[in-house]
Each structure stands twice: as structure tokens, then as C-alpha cells.
Amino acid sequence: MALSPAQLPDHLAGGLRSLYTVVGDDPLLVQECMDSLRAAARAQGAAERERYVSTDPRFDWSAVWMALHSVGLFAPKKILELHVPNGKPGKEGSTALQRLAQDALRSDTATTLVALPRLDKASRGSSWFAALEKGVTIDVPPVDRAQLPKWIAQRLRQQGQRVPAGAEGQRVLDFFADRVEGNLLAAHQEIQKLALLYPQGELGYEQIAEAVLDVARYHVFQLPEAVLAADAQRVQRVLDALQGEGEAVVLVLFTLAEDLRALWRVKEATLAGKALAAALQEHRIWYQKARAFEQLIPRLRREDLGHLVQAAHQVDGITKGLRHPDWPEDPWQAVLQLALRACKVLGRPS
């Protein structure tokens, strides 16, 4: 059985199963799912909790299996937690997880919770994950920038607060999202702070601007994400933050250039007669990026993508100390100019 986090409360109201696997990268959202499962298990008499974390190739998998079958000291039921932070249990772990899943499904004394990061296609197709899927799997998707304002509004409603209606409310939510992007745990804390500072009801721009700290964090993959969305303002914010955090400009450019080259390759494949879905799969374009490509590829011109790829090659030289008459000498400014040029091309109406 596969569930989303939003479906979990109704599921738990109908009874607790013996095996759950929570898959996701965001610490806050994963923690909230795990907390809900722990609370449900405790409500059914689980008084003990045993927690294991597999981070070492020498991890003792037999200890987890023995914990599943051992009798609790203080109550007949317990919670058994297994965290595999890298999502790679290895050969021994794969065998152990299959055995653990089989026994956990039959257990009437333990609720087994397995926490995994977001998995690649190979891991999702593995025998050990197939064994875990016979229990209940909860996929915890990330909250991206486009979804963040809605997520903030929902969390505010849960504590009896709201922003103004219409365009003004959207402006407030966008401001809030810009200050907490990439740091959902801090966003959650800032929302809770608003409940302490202000009574229930409507919150205006001035109240939120005064209270909410700038805790946004960015990683290099958010730059191409902003470029694919043709969001020039976000491109500027992401690059400023990455430069301020000391990220290597060569890595920042490489991440952007890889997506530009991927756009060009997929476009070439479709012009050669290959179906778009097949071209995306061939070039390993998955998830949200695939959806962006699906919207962009049909309306982008091959020549424009070729010019962007060539521009990325020129900027690569700038980041390595070479000069080019068409680009700024400062590598960060050159990357910014490339990203904004790409935004203009990708945002051009068909």
C-alpha cells in the first residue's frame, strides 16, 4: 500500500499496520510522518522504542532482526525503527531487509518503521524495496519553491492565522517563501513564532516582514530549476546566496550547463523522430525536471539551445581564468549573465 503524508491520518484512524516505510529527504516532513506513526503505535500499547541507524558497512543487521523478535521488558508491544540514511543497504543489508520485512509483516508485537531517503530508480526496483513495499510505503515529496506559498498558508491556517485575500495575500506569501526557501524546518519554526507573536486572525505584510527571519538556504540544483522556470529574480537570489555561502563557481556553472546540454540533446532526439517520453528516459531526465522539459522542448528552437550550449562553453573558460570579449571577467557575473540569457530564451512564448 502506498500513501501520501496527507492520507496518513485517515489511514491511522482505520488501524495501525505492522510495517511502514517512510521515503523522503526533507527532515521536517519525514519527522512528522514518523511522529504520527510512533504516536499511533504508543496508543496501541507500544511502550518501548528501539532505534537502529545503518551508516557503516559493518552494521550488524542481525541485531535488528533479533530486536524484532525479542520480548519487550515493560510491555508486550514496541516500536522498532531502522534508518538507512544513504538508501544503500549493500548486499548483506538487502538480504537482511527482505527477511526483516517478511517477519515484520507477521509480527503482532512490534510496529516496524523504516526511514529511507529519496531513492533512485534502481533502488526502487530492488528486491529489498519490493519486500518493504508489501507493508505501507509513505512517499514524502519535497516542497519546491512553487508549492511553498501554499504550504505556508496551510500551516498558518492550522494555527488560526491567515494572510489577506487576493493579490496582497499572494505578495505576503511570496515574500515569506523567499525568506525560507530550501529550509523547511526553519520555515516551520518561523510559522510557529508567528503564533506566539500575534493572535489568531489575519496577518499583514508589515507583521510578517518584521517577524520572519531570512533563513533561506540554496543548493546548486536550485539554479537550473529557477532557469527552467524562467524566473530571473529567483536566479539572482540563488546565485547571490551560493556566492555568499562560498560555493565553487565551477560547480554552479557545471550544474546549469548540464541542464542546458540536456535540453539540446533531447531536442535533437525529438527532431530525429524519437518520442519525447523516450528521449527523456534515454537521457535520464526524471521527476519535476521531466515535467519542465515536456513543456519546454516542443516550443524551443534547436538554434537557440545550440547558442546557449556554446555560451555555457565560453563561460566555462571564464570560470577557469580565461577571458572572452563577450563576457564579464568576474566568473560569478558571467554565470549570472548566462543564466539570465537562458531565462530569456526559455521564457519566450511560442
Protein backbone atom coordinates (compact mmCIF):
# COMPACT_ATOMS: atom_id res chain seq x y z
CA MET A 1 0.00 0.00 0.00
CA ALA A 2 1.32 3.43 -0.95
CA LEU A 3 0.22 6.58 0.88
CA SER A 4 0.93 10.29 0.75
CA PRO A 5 1.53 12.16 4.03
CA ALA A 6 -1.91 13.78 3.64
CA GLN A 7 -3.56 10.34 3.61
CA LEU A 8 -1.78 9.13 6.73
CA PRO A 9 -4.24 10.48 9.39
CA ASP A 10 -7.24 8.75 7.77
CA HIS A 11 -5.22 5.56 7.37
CA LEU A 12 -4.18 5.52 11.02
CA ALA A 13 -7.76 6.15 12.10
CA GLY A 14 -8.60 2.85 10.44
CA GLY A 15 -5.94 0.89 12.34
CA LEU A 16 -2.17 0.52 12.52
CA ARG A 17 -0.24 -1.93 10.34
CA SER A 18 2.93 -3.69 11.45
CA LEU A 19 5.37 -2.38 8.80
CA TYR A 20 5.83 1.16 7.46
CA THR A 21 8.50 2.62 5.18
CA VAL A 22 8.88 6.41 5.03
CA VAL A 23 10.78 7.67 1.97
CA GLY A 24 11.89 11.28 1.66
CA ASP A 25 14.70 13.80 2.02
CA ASP A 26 13.13 16.65 3.96
CA PRO A 27 13.91 16.20 7.70
CA LEU A 28 10.80 18.06 8.90
CA LEU A 29 8.27 16.20 6.74
CA VAL A 30 9.83 12.81 7.38
CA GLN A 31 9.96 13.52 11.12
CA GLU A 32 6.29 14.49 11.17
CA CYS A 33 5.31 11.21 9.48
CA MET A 34 7.46 9.23 11.88
CA ASP A 35 5.98 11.10 14.86
CA SER A 36 2.44 10.26 13.71
CA LEU A 37 3.33 6.58 13.38
CA ARG A 38 5.03 6.50 16.78
CA ALA A 39 2.02 8.16 18.42
CA ALA A 40 -0.36 5.64 16.85
CA ALA A 41 1.83 2.73 18.00
CA ARG A 42 2.00 4.10 21.55
CA ALA A 43 -1.77 4.49 21.58
CA GLN A 44 -1.98 0.76 20.87
CA GLY A 45 0.28 -0.15 23.77
CA ALA A 46 3.84 0.13 22.40
CA ALA A 47 5.77 1.34 25.46
CA GLU A 48 9.31 0.75 24.18
CA ARG A 49 11.21 2.06 21.19
CA GLU A 50 14.41 0.59 19.75
CA ARG A 51 16.24 2.63 17.11
CA TYR A 52 18.98 1.49 14.71
CA VAL A 53 20.89 3.55 12.15
CA SER A 54 22.80 1.83 9.34
CA THR A 55 25.69 4.12 8.37
CA ASP A 56 28.59 1.66 8.45
CA PRO A 57 29.32 -1.20 6.00
CA ARG A 58 29.96 -3.31 9.11
CA PHE A 59 26.49 -2.60 10.51
CA ASP A 60 25.12 -5.59 12.44
CA TRP A 61 21.88 -6.37 10.63
CA SER A 62 21.26 -9.39 12.82
CA ALA A 63 20.76 -7.06 15.79
CA VAL A 64 17.71 -5.53 14.10
CA TRP A 65 16.22 -8.92 13.36
CA MET A 66 16.81 -10.05 16.96
CA ALA A 67 15.21 -6.84 18.27
CA LEU A 68 12.10 -7.58 16.20
CA HIS A 69 11.75 -10.99 17.81
CA SER A 70 12.78 -10.15 21.36
CA VAL A 71 10.21 -9.69 24.09
CA GLY A 72 9.81 -6.19 25.49
CA LEU A 73 10.84 -5.54 29.10
CA PHE A 74 7.94 -3.28 30.07
CA ALA A 75 5.14 -4.04 27.61
CA PRO A 76 4.16 -6.72 25.11
CA LYS A 77 4.41 -4.26 22.21
CA LYS A 78 7.20 -1.99 21.00
CA ILE A 79 8.36 0.25 18.17
CA LEU A 80 11.33 -0.86 16.09
CA GLU A 81 12.95 1.86 13.97
CA LEU A 82 15.55 1.39 11.27
CA HIS A 83 17.13 4.36 9.50
CA VAL A 84 19.20 3.85 6.33
CA PRO A 85 20.35 7.46 5.60
CA ASN A 86 22.13 6.71 2.32
CA GLY A 87 19.46 4.38 0.96
CA LYS A 88 22.14 1.81 0.08
CA PRO A 89 21.97 -1.19 2.41
CA GLY A 90 24.51 -3.23 0.43
CA LYS A 91 24.38 -6.93 -0.34
CA GLU A 92 24.14 -8.12 3.26
CA GLY A 93 21.63 -5.40 4.10
CA SER A 94 19.49 -6.26 1.09
CA THR A 95 19.13 -9.85 2.27
CA ALA A 96 18.53 -8.70 5.85
CA LEU A 97 15.84 -6.21 4.84
CA GLN A 98 13.95 -8.83 2.86
CA ARG A 99 13.98 -11.14 5.86
CA LEU A 100 13.09 -8.32 8.24
CA ALA A 101 10.16 -7.21 6.08
CA GLN A 102 8.75 -10.74 5.88
CA ASP A 103 8.89 -11.18 9.66
CA ALA A 104 7.68 -7.64 10.43
CA LEU A 105 4.53 -8.21 8.37
CA ARG A 106 3.69 -11.22 10.56
CA SER A 107 4.55 -9.58 13.87
CA ASP A 108 1.82 -8.79 16.37
CA THR A 109 4.23 -7.41 19.00
CA ALA A 110 6.19 -4.76 17.08
CA THR A 111 5.49 -1.86 14.77
CA THR A 112 8.48 -1.61 12.43
CA LEU A 113 9.32 1.77 10.92
CA VAL A 114 11.96 2.05 8.17
CA ALA A 115 13.20 5.51 7.14
CA LEU A 116 14.89 5.97 3.76
CA PRO A 117 15.98 8.97 1.68
CA ARG A 118 14.58 9.62 -1.76
CA LEU A 119 15.59 6.62 -3.85
CA ASP A 120 16.84 6.33 -7.40
CA LYS A 121 15.14 4.11 -9.96
CA ALA A 122 17.50 1.18 -9.37
CA SER A 123 16.87 1.16 -5.61
CA ARG A 124 13.10 1.37 -6.11
CA GLY A 125 13.31 -1.66 -8.36
CA SER A 126 15.38 -3.69 -5.92
CA SER A 127 14.28 -6.87 -4.17
CA TRP A 128 14.73 -5.33 -0.72
CA PHE A 129 12.49 -2.35 -1.51
CA ALA A 130 9.88 -4.64 -3.08
CA ALA A 131 9.81 -6.57 0.21
CA LEU A 132 9.29 -3.36 2.19
CA GLU A 133 6.51 -2.27 -0.18
CA LYS A 134 4.43 -5.21 0.98
CA GLY A 135 3.84 -3.11 4.07
CA VAL A 136 2.78 0.54 3.88
CA THR A 137 5.02 2.95 1.98
CA ILE A 138 4.75 6.69 2.59
CA ASP A 139 6.43 8.80 -0.08
CA VAL A 140 7.26 12.26 1.26
CA PRO A 141 7.80 14.59 -1.72
CA PRO A 142 9.82 17.77 -1.29
CA VAL A 143 8.08 21.14 -1.13
CA ASP A 144 9.57 23.12 -4.01
CA ARG A 145 9.52 26.88 -4.44
CA ALA A 146 6.32 26.84 -6.48
CA GLN A 147 4.48 24.92 -3.75
CA LEU A 148 5.96 26.78 -0.80
CA PRO A 149 3.45 29.70 -0.57
CA LYS A 150 0.54 27.25 -0.46
CA TRP A 151 2.36 25.16 2.17
CA ILE A 152 2.94 28.25 4.32
CA ALA A 153 -0.71 29.30 4.01
CA GLN A 154 -1.85 25.83 5.06
CA ARG A 155 0.42 25.83 8.11
CA LEU A 156 -0.82 29.28 9.09
CA ARG A 157 -4.43 28.07 8.87
CA GLN A 158 -3.63 25.19 11.20
CA GLN A 159 -2.78 27.71 13.92
CA GLY A 160 -5.71 30.01 13.17
CA GLN A 161 -3.86 32.62 11.13
CA ARG A 162 -4.13 33.76 7.52
CA VAL A 163 -2.87 36.34 5.04
CA PRO A 164 -5.08 38.86 3.22
CA ALA A 165 -7.13 37.64 0.30
CA GLY A 166 -6.19 38.14 -3.33
CA ALA A 167 -3.03 39.66 -4.76
CA GLU A 168 -1.95 41.21 -1.46
CA GLY A 169 -2.03 37.83 0.25
CA GLN A 170 -0.02 36.27 -2.57
CA ARG A 171 2.56 39.05 -2.20
CA VAL A 172 2.85 38.28 1.52
CA LEU A 173 3.22 34.54 0.89
CA ASP A 174 5.83 35.08 -1.84
CA PHE A 175 7.82 37.32 0.49
CA PHE A 176 7.63 34.67 3.22
CA ALA A 177 8.65 31.92 0.77
CA ASP A 178 11.66 33.88 -0.46
CA ARG A 179 12.95 34.16 3.10
CA VAL A 180 12.63 30.48 3.99
CA GLU A 181 13.16 28.63 0.69
CA GLY A 182 15.25 25.49 0.98
CA ASN A 183 14.95 25.35 4.77
CA LEU A 184 11.58 23.83 5.62
CA LEU A 185 12.43 23.16 9.26
CA ALA A 186 13.29 26.84 9.77
CA ALA A 187 10.13 27.79 7.86
CA HIS A 188 8.11 25.70 10.30
CA GLN A 189 9.79 27.43 13.23
CA GLU A 190 9.09 30.88 11.75
CA ILE A 191 5.42 29.97 11.32
CA GLN A 192 5.26 28.79 14.93
CA LYS A 193 6.88 32.06 16.01
CA LEU A 194 4.05 33.99 14.36
CA ALA A 195 1.57 32.12 16.58
CA LEU A 196 3.49 33.33 19.64
CA LEU A 197 3.79 36.94 18.46
CA TYR A 198 0.33 37.59 17.06
CA PRO A 199 -3.24 36.49 17.87
CA GLN A 200 -5.33 34.37 15.56
CA GLY A 201 -6.67 36.13 12.52
CA GLU A 202 -5.24 37.99 9.54
CA LEU A 203 -1.54 38.85 9.28
CA GLY A 204 -0.44 41.69 7.06
CA TYR A 205 2.79 42.25 5.16
CA GLU A 206 4.27 44.52 7.84
CA GLN A 207 3.73 41.97 10.62
CA ILE A 208 5.34 39.12 8.67
CA ALA A 209 8.17 41.28 7.31
CA GLU A 210 9.03 42.35 10.86
CA ALA A 211 8.90 38.87 12.36
CA VAL A 212 10.20 36.40 9.75
CA LEU A 213 13.97 35.98 9.55
CA ASP A 214 15.81 35.40 6.29
CA VAL A 215 16.72 31.72 6.74
CA ALA A 216 16.63 30.63 3.09
CA ARG A 217 19.22 28.10 2.00
CA TYR A 218 20.04 27.24 -1.56
CA HIS A 219 21.89 24.42 -3.26
CA VAL A 220 23.39 24.33 -6.73
CA PHE A 221 20.49 22.37 -8.24
CA GLN A 222 18.10 25.22 -7.50
CA LEU A 223 19.83 27.42 -10.08
CA PRO A 224 18.86 25.31 -13.13
CA GLU A 225 15.45 24.82 -11.53
CA ALA A 226 14.97 28.61 -11.50
CA VAL A 227 16.31 28.89 -15.05
CA LEU A 228 13.95 26.20 -16.36
CA ALA A 229 11.10 28.19 -14.81
CA ALA A 230 12.48 31.38 -16.46
CA ASP A 231 12.38 33.06 -13.03
CA ALA A 232 15.04 35.74 -13.36
CA GLN A 233 14.51 37.21 -9.89
CA ARG A 234 14.97 33.83 -8.25
CA VAL A 235 18.07 33.21 -10.37
CA GLN A 236 19.59 36.36 -8.87
CA ARG A 237 18.70 35.32 -5.30
CA VAL A 238 20.06 31.80 -5.73
CA LEU A 239 23.35 32.99 -7.24
CA ASP A 240 23.83 35.66 -4.58
CA ALA A 241 23.26 33.07 -1.86
CA LEU A 242 25.56 30.46 -3.41
CA GLN A 243 28.33 33.00 -3.81
CA GLY A 244 27.84 34.19 -0.24
CA GLU A 245 27.97 30.63 1.08
CA GLY A 246 31.30 30.04 -0.68
CA GLU A 247 30.06 27.52 -3.25
CA ALA A 248 32.53 26.76 -6.04
CA VAL A 249 31.53 28.74 -9.14
CA VAL A 250 32.81 25.90 -11.36
CA LEU A 251 30.30 23.51 -9.77
CA VAL A 252 27.48 26.06 -10.08
CA LEU A 253 28.18 26.51 -13.79
CA PHE A 254 28.54 22.76 -14.38
CA THR A 255 25.10 22.12 -12.87
CA LEU A 256 23.48 24.76 -15.07
CA ALA A 257 25.40 23.76 -18.20
CA GLU A 258 24.41 20.09 -17.78
CA ASP A 259 20.73 21.03 -17.98
CA LEU A 260 21.30 23.26 -20.99
CA ARG A 261 23.14 20.43 -22.75
CA ALA A 262 20.37 18.00 -21.77
CA LEU A 263 17.76 20.30 -23.30
CA TRP A 264 19.76 20.42 -26.53
CA ARG A 265 20.24 16.62 -26.64
CA VAL A 266 16.57 15.89 -26.01
CA LYS A 267 15.55 18.43 -28.65
CA GLU A 268 17.94 16.79 -31.14
CA ALA A 269 16.46 13.38 -30.35
CA THR A 270 12.89 14.58 -30.95
CA LEU A 271 13.89 16.23 -34.22
CA ALA A 272 15.36 12.88 -35.27
CA GLY A 273 11.94 11.29 -34.77
CA LYS A 274 12.18 9.92 -31.24
CA ALA A 275 9.16 10.34 -28.96
CA LEU A 276 9.69 12.93 -26.23
CA ALA A 277 9.00 10.46 -23.39
CA ALA A 278 11.55 8.03 -24.83
CA ALA A 279 14.13 10.80 -25.26
CA LEU A 280 13.68 11.92 -21.65
CA GLN A 281 14.13 8.37 -20.41
CA GLU A 282 17.19 7.82 -22.59
CA HIS A 283 18.86 10.93 -21.20
CA ARG A 284 17.82 10.15 -17.61
CA ILE A 285 15.55 13.15 -17.10
CA TRP A 286 13.20 12.32 -14.25
CA TYR A 287 10.60 13.76 -11.85
CA GLN A 288 9.94 17.52 -11.86
CA LYS A 289 12.71 18.21 -14.35
CA ALA A 290 10.99 15.87 -16.83
CA ARG A 291 7.76 17.85 -16.48
CA ALA A 292 9.64 21.09 -17.17
CA PHE A 293 11.32 19.56 -20.23
CA GLU A 294 7.96 18.31 -21.51
CA GLN A 295 6.66 21.88 -21.52
CA LEU A 296 9.81 23.46 -22.94
CA ILE A 297 11.05 21.10 -25.66
CA PRO A 298 8.12 21.43 -28.10
CA ARG A 299 8.40 25.24 -28.27
CA LEU A 300 12.19 25.71 -28.11
CA ARG A 301 14.21 26.12 -31.27
CA ARG A 302 17.26 23.97 -31.88
CA GLU A 303 19.31 27.03 -32.84
CA ASP A 304 18.55 28.85 -29.58
CA LEU A 305 19.54 25.83 -27.50
CA GLY A 306 22.73 25.45 -29.53
CA HIS A 307 23.63 29.08 -28.80
CA LEU A 308 23.05 28.53 -25.06
CA VAL A 309 25.28 25.44 -25.06
CA GLN A 310 28.00 27.39 -26.86
CA ALA A 311 27.61 30.24 -24.37
CA ALA A 312 27.98 27.81 -21.48
CA HIS A 313 31.25 26.59 -23.04
CA GLN A 314 32.53 30.16 -23.21
CA VAL A 315 31.59 30.86 -19.59
CA ASP A 316 33.34 27.66 -18.57
CA GLY A 317 36.54 29.25 -19.84
CA ILE A 318 35.83 32.37 -17.76
CA THR A 319 35.49 30.28 -14.59
CA LYS A 320 38.91 28.77 -15.35
CA GLY A 321 40.70 32.09 -15.75
CA LEU A 322 40.35 32.72 -19.49
CA ARG A 323 38.98 35.94 -20.94
CA HIS A 324 36.33 36.39 -23.59
CA PRO A 325 35.26 39.69 -25.14
CA ASP A 326 31.56 38.86 -24.87
CA TRP A 327 31.58 38.04 -21.15
CA PRO A 328 32.43 39.75 -17.83
CA GLU A 329 35.81 38.86 -16.34
CA ASP A 330 34.22 38.03 -13.00
CA PRO A 331 33.07 34.37 -13.22
CA TRP A 332 30.00 34.90 -11.00
CA GLN A 333 28.84 37.77 -13.19
CA ALA A 334 29.42 35.61 -16.27
CA VAL A 335 27.33 32.78 -14.81
CA LEU A 336 24.61 35.28 -13.92
CA GLN A 337 24.60 36.66 -17.46
CA LEU A 338 24.37 33.13 -18.89
CA ALA A 339 21.51 32.21 -16.54
CA LEU A 340 19.57 35.37 -17.39
CA ARG A 341 20.14 34.79 -21.11
CA ALA A 342 18.77 31.28 -20.68
CA CYS A 343 15.75 32.63 -18.78
CA LYS A 344 15.01 34.94 -21.69
CA VAL A 345 15.18 32.09 -24.21
CA LEU A 346 13.23 29.57 -22.12
CA GLY A 347 10.60 32.11 -21.11
CA ARG A 348 9.95 33.27 -24.65
CA PRO A 349 6.37 32.47 -25.71
CA SER A 350 5.96 30.02 -28.56
